[in-house]
């Protein structure tokens, strides 16, 4: 099943088997280099000390809740999540053409719920009241984001915007 990432925001996270409430999802920890959802941020603050539930621990999505069996990541995953939380967020960053023409905001992700794999990135208007207008495949987005800009507030594509109009 596929779901838009923003549909996870605001859901309560429950620890099984006792259904202990761990908090609610404020943000998504997305690994843009590997195109996977690593975790669910349970804090309004983006920082290495914020509580994060690894997405691989999720076993159920129903209604307005997310069920997990555990929230302790492997040492490797814990290290990767800390690295990503130490960088500025890419989601919400403005994509502009090399000439400075705004293309839109990296506004969201679509993911496969069974694996957490990102199947598309959504580029939308800077005005949150307007509809989102474009889905970009992970490979296209990765090729458009230069290493120098990937984790800054002002991301610039490395190729012309015509690539965005080829579907995907």
N, C-alpha and C. Protein backbone atom coordinates (compact mmCIF):
# COMPACT_ATOMS: atom_id res chain seq x y z
N UNK A 1 0.83 -1.17 0.00
CA UNK A 1 0.00 0.00 0.00
C UNK A 1 0.89 1.25 0.00
N UNK A 2 0.47 2.24 -0.75
CA UNK A 2 1.20 3.51 -0.79
C UNK A 2 0.44 4.56 -0.01
N UNK A 3 1.20 5.49 0.58
CA UNK A 3 0.61 6.55 1.38
C UNK A 3 1.46 7.81 1.23
N UNK A 4 0.80 8.95 1.31
CA UNK A 4 1.55 10.20 1.29
C UNK A 4 2.11 10.42 2.69
N UNK A 5 3.36 10.87 2.74
CA UNK A 5 4.01 11.07 4.02
C UNK A 5 3.24 11.97 4.96
N UNK A 6 2.61 13.02 4.41
CA UNK A 6 1.90 13.96 5.28
C UNK A 6 0.70 13.31 5.97
N UNK A 7 0.25 12.15 5.48
CA UNK A 7 -0.84 11.44 6.13
C UNK A 7 -0.40 10.80 7.46
N UNK A 8 0.91 10.71 7.67
CA UNK A 8 1.43 10.16 8.93
C UNK A 8 1.54 11.23 10.01
N UNK A 9 1.65 12.50 9.58
CA UNK A 9 1.81 13.60 10.52
C UNK A 9 0.55 13.71 11.39
N UNK A 10 0.77 13.83 12.69
CA UNK A 10 -0.34 13.98 13.63
C UNK A 10 -0.88 12.68 14.19
N UNK A 11 -0.47 11.54 13.63
CA UNK A 11 -0.96 10.26 14.15
C UNK A 11 -0.27 9.95 15.48
N UNK A 12 -1.02 9.29 16.36
CA UNK A 12 -0.48 8.84 17.64
C UNK A 12 0.33 7.57 17.40
N UNK A 13 1.46 7.45 18.11
CA UNK A 13 2.29 6.26 18.02
C UNK A 13 2.11 5.47 19.31
N UNK A 14 1.68 4.20 19.15
CA UNK A 14 1.41 3.34 20.29
C UNK A 14 2.40 2.19 20.34
N UNK A 15 2.96 1.93 21.54
CA UNK A 15 3.89 0.83 21.74
C UNK A 15 3.10 -0.40 22.15
N UNK A 16 3.22 -1.46 21.37
CA UNK A 16 2.52 -2.72 21.66
C UNK A 16 3.33 -3.52 22.67
N UNK A 17 2.77 -4.40 23.41
CA UNK A 17 1.40 -4.89 23.34
C UNK A 17 0.43 -4.10 24.22
N UNK A 18 0.96 -3.18 25.06
CA UNK A 18 0.10 -2.48 26.03
C UNK A 18 -0.55 -1.21 25.49
N UNK A 19 -0.25 -0.86 24.24
CA UNK A 19 -0.79 0.35 23.61
C UNK A 19 -0.40 1.62 24.36
N UNK A 20 0.84 1.61 24.90
CA UNK A 20 1.37 2.80 25.58
C UNK A 20 1.59 3.89 24.54
N UNK A 21 1.07 5.08 24.78
CA UNK A 21 1.22 6.17 23.83
C UNK A 21 2.62 6.78 23.97
N UNK A 22 3.37 6.77 22.85
CA UNK A 22 4.72 7.33 22.84
C UNK A 22 4.73 8.80 22.45
N UNK A 23 3.69 9.24 21.78
CA UNK A 23 3.60 10.62 21.31
C UNK A 23 2.92 10.66 19.97
N UNK A 24 3.02 11.81 19.30
CA UNK A 24 2.45 11.92 17.97
C UNK A 24 3.53 12.30 16.98
N UNK A 25 3.29 11.99 15.72
CA UNK A 25 4.27 12.24 14.66
C UNK A 25 4.22 13.72 14.29
N UNK A 26 5.36 14.40 14.45
CA UNK A 26 5.48 15.81 14.07
C UNK A 26 6.16 15.96 12.71
N UNK A 27 7.05 15.02 12.39
CA UNK A 27 7.82 15.15 11.16
C UNK A 27 8.33 13.78 10.75
N UNK A 28 8.86 13.71 9.54
CA UNK A 28 9.40 12.46 9.00
C UNK A 28 10.90 12.60 8.83
N UNK A 29 11.63 11.57 9.20
CA UNK A 29 13.08 11.54 9.01
C UNK A 29 13.34 10.72 7.75
N UNK A 30 13.58 11.43 6.64
CA UNK A 30 13.72 10.81 5.33
C UNK A 30 15.19 10.79 4.92
N UNK A 31 15.66 9.63 4.51
CA UNK A 31 17.01 9.49 3.98
C UNK A 31 16.92 9.70 2.47
N UNK A 32 17.23 10.93 2.02
CA UNK A 32 17.10 11.29 0.61
C UNK A 32 18.15 10.62 -0.26
N UNK A 33 19.24 10.17 0.34
CA UNK A 33 20.27 9.51 -0.45
C UNK A 33 19.89 8.08 -0.79
N UNK A 34 19.12 7.43 0.11
CA UNK A 34 18.71 6.04 -0.11
C UNK A 34 17.21 5.92 -0.38
N UNK A 35 16.51 7.06 -0.40
CA UNK A 35 15.07 7.11 -0.72
C UNK A 35 14.25 6.18 0.17
N UNK A 36 14.40 6.38 1.47
CA UNK A 36 13.65 5.56 2.42
C UNK A 36 13.27 6.42 3.63
N UNK A 37 12.12 6.12 4.21
CA UNK A 37 11.69 6.76 5.44
C UNK A 37 12.37 6.04 6.59
N UNK A 38 13.27 6.73 7.29
CA UNK A 38 13.99 6.09 8.39
C UNK A 38 13.22 6.13 9.71
N UNK A 39 12.53 7.24 9.95
CA UNK A 39 11.87 7.32 11.24
C UNK A 39 10.78 8.36 11.31
N UNK A 40 10.07 8.30 12.42
CA UNK A 40 8.98 9.21 12.72
C UNK A 40 9.43 10.09 13.88
N UNK A 41 9.53 11.38 13.65
CA UNK A 41 9.99 12.32 14.66
C UNK A 41 8.83 12.66 15.59
N UNK A 42 9.01 12.41 16.90
CA UNK A 42 7.95 12.64 17.87
C UNK A 42 8.18 13.93 18.65
N UNK A 43 8.71 14.92 17.97
CA UNK A 43 8.99 16.21 18.60
C UNK A 43 8.84 17.31 17.56
N UNK A 44 8.37 18.48 17.97
CA UNK A 44 8.28 19.58 17.01
C UNK A 44 9.64 20.18 16.70
N UNK A 45 10.67 19.74 17.41
CA UNK A 45 12.03 20.28 17.22
C UNK A 45 12.87 19.30 16.43
N UNK A 46 13.51 19.79 15.38
CA UNK A 46 14.40 18.98 14.54
C UNK A 46 15.78 19.02 15.17
N UNK A 47 16.16 17.98 15.91
CA UNK A 47 17.47 17.98 16.56
C UNK A 47 17.91 16.54 16.83
N UNK A 48 19.22 16.34 17.02
CA UNK A 48 19.71 14.98 17.31
C UNK A 48 19.15 14.39 18.60
N UNK A 49 18.60 15.22 19.49
CA UNK A 49 18.07 14.71 20.76
C UNK A 49 16.57 14.44 20.71
N UNK A 50 15.95 14.70 19.57
CA UNK A 50 14.51 14.49 19.43
C UNK A 50 14.20 12.99 19.42
N UNK A 51 13.09 12.58 20.05
CA UNK A 51 12.71 11.16 20.01
C UNK A 51 12.26 10.76 18.60
N UNK A 52 12.83 9.66 18.12
CA UNK A 52 12.52 9.16 16.78
C UNK A 52 12.20 7.67 16.87
N UNK A 53 11.07 7.28 16.27
CA UNK A 53 10.71 5.87 16.18
C UNK A 53 11.16 5.38 14.81
N UNK A 54 12.03 4.37 14.75
CA UNK A 54 12.45 3.83 13.45
C UNK A 54 11.25 3.30 12.68
N UNK A 55 11.14 3.65 11.40
CA UNK A 55 10.00 3.20 10.61
C UNK A 55 9.99 1.67 10.49
N UNK A 56 11.15 1.04 10.51
CA UNK A 56 11.19 -0.42 10.39
C UNK A 56 10.52 -1.11 11.58
N UNK A 57 10.27 -0.38 12.67
CA UNK A 57 9.60 -0.95 13.84
C UNK A 57 8.07 -0.85 13.73
N UNK A 58 7.57 -0.12 12.72
CA UNK A 58 6.13 0.04 12.54
C UNK A 58 5.53 -1.27 12.04
N UNK A 59 4.46 -1.72 12.70
CA UNK A 59 3.81 -2.94 12.21
C UNK A 59 2.34 -2.72 11.89
N UNK A 60 1.82 -1.53 12.20
CA UNK A 60 0.42 -1.30 11.88
C UNK A 60 0.08 0.17 11.73
N UNK A 61 -0.68 0.47 10.67
CA UNK A 61 -1.21 1.81 10.43
C UNK A 61 -2.72 1.67 10.35
N UNK A 62 -3.42 2.24 11.32
CA UNK A 62 -4.87 2.16 11.24
C UNK A 62 -5.47 3.44 11.81
N UNK A 63 -6.42 3.98 11.07
CA UNK A 63 -7.08 5.21 11.51
C UNK A 63 -6.08 6.31 11.79
N UNK A 64 -6.08 6.79 13.02
CA UNK A 64 -5.17 7.88 13.38
C UNK A 64 -4.03 7.40 14.27
N UNK A 65 -3.74 6.08 14.23
CA UNK A 65 -2.66 5.54 15.06
C UNK A 65 -1.65 4.74 14.24
N UNK A 66 -0.46 4.65 14.81
CA UNK A 66 0.64 3.86 14.25
C UNK A 66 1.10 2.94 15.38
N UNK A 67 1.12 1.64 15.14
CA UNK A 67 1.54 0.68 16.16
C UNK A 67 2.97 0.24 15.91
N UNK A 68 3.76 0.19 17.01
CA UNK A 68 5.16 -0.26 16.92
C UNK A 68 5.40 -1.28 18.03
N UNK A 69 6.33 -2.21 17.78
CA UNK A 69 6.69 -3.20 18.80
C UNK A 69 7.84 -2.73 19.65
N UNK A 70 8.65 -1.85 19.11
CA UNK A 70 9.86 -1.41 19.81
C UNK A 70 10.27 -0.08 19.21
N UNK A 71 11.05 0.70 19.92
CA UNK A 71 11.54 1.94 19.32
C UNK A 71 13.05 2.06 19.41
N UNK A 72 13.71 0.94 19.71
CA UNK A 72 15.18 0.95 19.78
C UNK A 72 15.76 0.52 18.44
N UNK A 73 16.42 1.44 17.76
CA UNK A 73 17.02 1.08 16.46
C UNK A 73 18.33 0.33 16.65
N UNK A 74 18.77 -0.32 15.58
CA UNK A 74 20.08 -0.95 15.59
C UNK A 74 21.13 0.15 15.72
N UNK A 75 22.34 -0.17 16.15
CA UNK A 75 23.39 0.87 16.26
C UNK A 75 23.64 1.58 14.92
N UNK A 76 23.62 0.83 13.82
CA UNK A 76 23.84 1.44 12.49
C UNK A 76 22.73 2.42 12.16
N UNK A 77 21.47 2.02 12.37
CA UNK A 77 20.34 2.87 12.07
C UNK A 77 20.32 4.09 13.00
N UNK A 78 20.66 3.87 14.25
CA UNK A 78 20.71 4.97 15.21
C UNK A 78 21.74 6.02 14.77
N UNK A 79 22.89 5.57 14.30
CA UNK A 79 23.93 6.48 13.83
C UNK A 79 23.45 7.25 12.59
N UNK A 80 22.81 6.56 11.66
CA UNK A 80 22.31 7.21 10.44
C UNK A 80 21.24 8.25 10.77
N UNK A 81 20.34 7.92 11.68
CA UNK A 81 19.30 8.87 12.05
C UNK A 81 19.92 10.11 12.71
N UNK A 82 20.93 9.92 13.56
CA UNK A 82 21.59 11.05 14.21
C UNK A 82 22.29 11.94 13.17
N UNK A 83 22.91 11.31 12.16
CA UNK A 83 23.56 12.08 11.08
C UNK A 83 22.54 12.95 10.36
N UNK A 84 21.40 12.38 10.02
CA UNK A 84 20.38 13.12 9.29
C UNK A 84 19.76 14.23 10.14
N UNK A 85 19.56 13.97 11.42
CA UNK A 85 18.99 15.00 12.29
C UNK A 85 19.97 16.15 12.54
N UNK A 86 21.25 15.91 12.31
CA UNK A 86 22.24 16.98 12.50
C UNK A 86 22.30 17.90 11.28
N UNK A 87 21.69 17.50 10.18
CA UNK A 87 21.68 18.32 8.96
C UNK A 87 20.39 19.13 8.89
N UNK A 88 20.41 20.24 8.15
CA UNK A 88 19.15 20.97 7.94
C UNK A 88 18.17 20.10 7.16
N UNK A 89 16.87 20.34 7.38
CA UNK A 89 15.84 19.60 6.66
C UNK A 89 15.84 19.98 5.19
N UNK A 90 15.60 19.01 4.34
CA UNK A 90 15.44 19.30 2.91
C UNK A 90 13.96 19.52 2.61
N UNK A 91 13.10 18.75 3.26
CA UNK A 91 11.67 18.93 3.05
C UNK A 91 11.29 20.35 3.46
N UNK A 92 10.61 21.04 2.58
CA UNK A 92 10.25 22.44 2.83
C UNK A 92 11.21 23.42 2.18
N UNK A 93 12.29 22.93 1.60
CA UNK A 93 13.26 23.81 0.94
C UNK A 93 12.77 24.21 -0.44
N UNK A 94 13.14 25.40 -0.85
CA UNK A 94 12.77 25.92 -2.15
C UNK A 94 13.71 25.37 -3.22
N UNK A 95 13.13 24.83 -4.29
CA UNK A 95 13.92 24.41 -5.45
C UNK A 95 13.88 25.56 -6.45
N UNK A 96 15.03 26.00 -6.90
CA UNK A 96 15.08 27.07 -7.90
C UNK A 96 15.93 26.64 -9.07
N UNK A 97 15.62 27.21 -10.22
CA UNK A 97 16.46 26.97 -11.40
C UNK A 97 17.78 27.72 -11.22
N UNK A 98 18.81 27.31 -11.94
CA UNK A 98 20.10 28.00 -11.81
C UNK A 98 20.00 29.51 -12.02
N UNK A 99 19.03 29.96 -12.82
CA UNK A 99 18.85 31.39 -13.06
C UNK A 99 18.15 32.08 -11.89
N UNK A 100 17.76 31.33 -10.87
CA UNK A 100 17.09 31.90 -9.72
C UNK A 100 15.58 31.85 -9.80
N UNK A 101 15.02 31.29 -10.86
CA UNK A 101 13.56 31.20 -11.01
C UNK A 101 13.04 30.11 -10.08
N UNK A 102 12.08 30.44 -9.19
CA UNK A 102 11.56 29.42 -8.27
C UNK A 102 10.82 28.31 -9.02
N UNK A 103 11.11 27.07 -8.67
CA UNK A 103 10.45 25.92 -9.27
C UNK A 103 9.33 25.43 -8.34
N UNK A 104 9.55 25.56 -7.05
CA UNK A 104 8.58 25.11 -6.06
C UNK A 104 9.28 24.63 -4.81
N UNK A 105 8.50 24.19 -3.87
CA UNK A 105 9.01 23.72 -2.58
C UNK A 105 8.96 22.20 -2.56
N UNK A 106 10.01 21.57 -2.05
CA UNK A 106 10.01 20.13 -1.85
C UNK A 106 9.04 19.88 -0.70
N UNK A 107 7.82 19.49 -1.04
CA UNK A 107 6.71 19.55 -0.11
C UNK A 107 6.32 18.22 0.53
N UNK A 108 6.73 17.10 -0.02
CA UNK A 108 6.30 15.84 0.58
C UNK A 108 6.87 14.63 -0.12
N UNK A 109 6.48 13.47 0.41
CA UNK A 109 6.93 12.19 -0.16
C UNK A 109 5.73 11.25 -0.26
N UNK A 110 5.84 10.29 -1.15
CA UNK A 110 4.90 9.18 -1.24
C UNK A 110 5.74 7.94 -0.96
N UNK A 111 5.23 7.06 -0.09
CA UNK A 111 6.05 5.90 0.27
C UNK A 111 5.26 4.62 0.25
N UNK A 112 5.99 3.53 0.14
CA UNK A 112 5.45 2.19 0.22
C UNK A 112 5.43 1.83 1.71
N UNK A 113 4.24 1.59 2.27
CA UNK A 113 4.13 1.40 3.72
C UNK A 113 4.80 0.13 4.22
N UNK A 114 4.90 -0.89 3.41
CA UNK A 114 5.49 -2.14 3.89
C UNK A 114 7.01 -2.05 4.06
N UNK A 115 7.65 -1.16 3.31
CA UNK A 115 9.11 -1.08 3.36
C UNK A 115 9.64 0.30 3.77
N UNK A 116 8.80 1.32 3.65
CA UNK A 116 9.27 2.68 3.92
C UNK A 116 10.00 3.29 2.74
N UNK A 117 10.01 2.59 1.60
CA UNK A 117 10.70 3.08 0.40
C UNK A 117 9.95 4.27 -0.18
N UNK A 118 10.70 5.32 -0.49
CA UNK A 118 10.11 6.51 -1.11
C UNK A 118 9.92 6.22 -2.59
N UNK A 119 8.69 6.39 -3.07
CA UNK A 119 8.40 6.14 -4.49
C UNK A 119 8.20 7.44 -5.26
N UNK A 120 8.10 8.56 -4.55
CA UNK A 120 7.97 9.84 -5.23
C UNK A 120 8.14 11.00 -4.27
N UNK A 121 8.64 12.11 -4.79
CA UNK A 121 8.78 13.35 -4.03
C UNK A 121 7.81 14.36 -4.64
N UNK A 122 7.15 15.13 -3.80
CA UNK A 122 6.16 16.09 -4.27
C UNK A 122 6.75 17.49 -4.21
N UNK A 123 6.69 18.19 -5.34
CA UNK A 123 7.13 19.58 -5.42
C UNK A 123 5.87 20.41 -5.56
N UNK A 124 5.73 21.41 -4.71
CA UNK A 124 4.51 22.21 -4.70
C UNK A 124 4.77 23.69 -4.69
N UNK A 125 3.70 24.42 -4.61
CA UNK A 125 3.75 25.88 -4.59
C UNK A 125 4.28 26.35 -3.24
N UNK A 126 4.88 27.54 -3.23
CA UNK A 126 5.30 28.12 -1.96
C UNK A 126 4.10 28.53 -1.12
N UNK A 127 2.96 28.72 -1.75
CA UNK A 127 1.73 29.07 -1.05
C UNK A 127 1.06 27.78 -0.60
N UNK A 128 1.03 27.50 0.72
CA UNK A 128 0.46 26.23 1.18
C UNK A 128 -1.02 26.06 0.87
N UNK A 129 -1.72 27.14 0.49
CA UNK A 129 -3.14 27.04 0.16
C UNK A 129 -3.36 26.52 -1.26
N UNK A 130 -2.32 26.55 -2.08
CA UNK A 130 -2.45 26.05 -3.45
C UNK A 130 -2.18 24.56 -3.47
N UNK A 131 -2.73 23.91 -4.50
CA UNK A 131 -2.52 22.47 -4.65
C UNK A 131 -1.07 22.17 -4.99
N UNK A 132 -0.61 20.98 -4.57
CA UNK A 132 0.70 20.50 -4.98
C UNK A 132 0.60 20.16 -6.46
N UNK A 133 1.67 20.34 -7.19
CA UNK A 133 1.52 20.22 -8.63
C UNK A 133 2.40 19.21 -9.33
N UNK A 134 3.35 18.59 -8.70
CA UNK A 134 4.28 17.75 -9.44
C UNK A 134 4.88 16.66 -8.56
N UNK A 135 4.90 15.44 -9.06
CA UNK A 135 5.59 14.35 -8.37
C UNK A 135 6.83 14.01 -9.17
N UNK A 136 7.96 13.91 -8.48
CA UNK A 136 9.25 13.64 -9.12
C UNK A 136 9.74 12.28 -8.62
N UNK A 137 10.22 11.44 -9.54
CA UNK A 137 10.72 10.13 -9.13
C UNK A 137 11.99 10.31 -8.30
N UNK A 138 12.29 9.35 -7.41
CA UNK A 138 13.50 9.46 -6.60
C UNK A 138 14.77 9.65 -7.42
N UNK A 139 14.91 8.93 -8.53
CA UNK A 139 16.13 9.06 -9.34
C UNK A 139 16.25 10.44 -9.96
N UNK A 140 15.14 11.01 -10.41
CA UNK A 140 15.19 12.35 -10.99
C UNK A 140 15.54 13.39 -9.94
N UNK A 141 14.94 13.26 -8.76
CA UNK A 141 15.24 14.23 -7.72
C UNK A 141 16.70 14.14 -7.33
N UNK A 142 17.19 12.93 -7.17
CA UNK A 142 18.59 12.75 -6.77
C UNK A 142 19.52 13.36 -7.80
N UNK A 143 19.21 13.22 -9.10
CA UNK A 143 20.08 13.78 -10.13
C UNK A 143 19.96 15.30 -10.19
N UNK A 144 18.85 15.85 -9.70
CA UNK A 144 18.68 17.30 -9.72
C UNK A 144 19.34 17.99 -8.53
N UNK A 145 19.57 17.26 -7.46
CA UNK A 145 20.14 17.86 -6.27
C UNK A 145 21.64 17.66 -6.24
N UNK A 146 22.36 18.72 -6.35
CA UNK A 146 23.81 18.72 -6.30
C UNK A 146 24.25 18.52 -4.85
N UNK A 147 25.33 17.76 -4.60
CA UNK A 147 25.82 17.54 -3.23
C UNK A 147 25.99 18.84 -2.46
N UNK A 148 26.46 19.85 -3.15
CA UNK A 148 26.75 21.12 -2.50
C UNK A 148 25.48 21.75 -1.92
N UNK A 149 24.31 21.46 -2.49
CA UNK A 149 23.09 22.12 -2.06
C UNK A 149 22.11 21.19 -1.34
N UNK A 150 22.37 19.90 -1.33
CA UNK A 150 21.36 18.94 -0.87
C UNK A 150 20.81 19.27 0.51
N UNK A 151 21.62 19.70 1.43
CA UNK A 151 21.14 19.91 2.79
C UNK A 151 21.17 21.38 3.20
N UNK A 152 20.83 22.25 2.27
CA UNK A 152 20.73 23.67 2.59
C UNK A 152 19.29 24.11 2.42
N UNK A 153 18.98 25.31 2.82
CA UNK A 153 17.63 25.83 2.66
C UNK A 153 17.35 26.20 1.22
N UNK A 154 18.37 26.47 0.43
CA UNK A 154 18.17 26.90 -0.95
C UNK A 154 18.77 25.86 -1.88
N UNK A 155 17.98 24.88 -2.26
CA UNK A 155 18.45 23.80 -3.12
C UNK A 155 18.30 24.23 -4.57
N UNK A 156 19.31 23.96 -5.37
CA UNK A 156 19.24 24.31 -6.79
C UNK A 156 19.40 23.06 -7.64
N UNK A 157 18.54 22.87 -8.65
CA UNK A 157 18.69 21.72 -9.53
C UNK A 157 19.96 21.82 -10.37
N UNK A 158 20.53 20.67 -10.66
CA UNK A 158 21.73 20.64 -11.48
C UNK A 158 21.39 20.57 -12.97
N UNK A 159 20.12 20.28 -13.30
CA UNK A 159 19.69 20.13 -14.69
C UNK A 159 18.47 21.01 -14.93
N UNK A 160 18.12 21.26 -16.18
CA UNK A 160 16.98 22.13 -16.48
C UNK A 160 15.64 21.55 -16.00
N UNK A 161 14.69 22.43 -15.79
CA UNK A 161 13.37 22.04 -15.29
C UNK A 161 12.64 21.14 -16.26
N UNK A 162 13.06 21.07 -17.51
CA UNK A 162 12.40 20.20 -18.50
C UNK A 162 12.37 18.75 -18.00
N UNK A 163 13.33 18.35 -17.19
CA UNK A 163 13.33 16.99 -16.65
C UNK A 163 12.10 16.74 -15.79
N UNK A 164 11.60 17.78 -15.11
CA UNK A 164 10.43 17.61 -14.26
C UNK A 164 9.19 17.33 -15.08
N UNK A 165 9.16 17.78 -16.31
CA UNK A 165 7.95 17.67 -17.13
C UNK A 165 7.87 16.37 -17.93
N UNK A 166 8.76 15.43 -17.65
CA UNK A 166 8.78 14.17 -18.40
C UNK A 166 8.05 13.06 -17.67
N UNK A 167 7.16 13.42 -16.76
CA UNK A 167 6.44 12.39 -15.99
C UNK A 167 7.33 11.82 -14.90
N UNK A 168 6.74 10.97 -14.07
CA UNK A 168 7.56 10.35 -13.04
C UNK A 168 7.32 10.96 -11.76
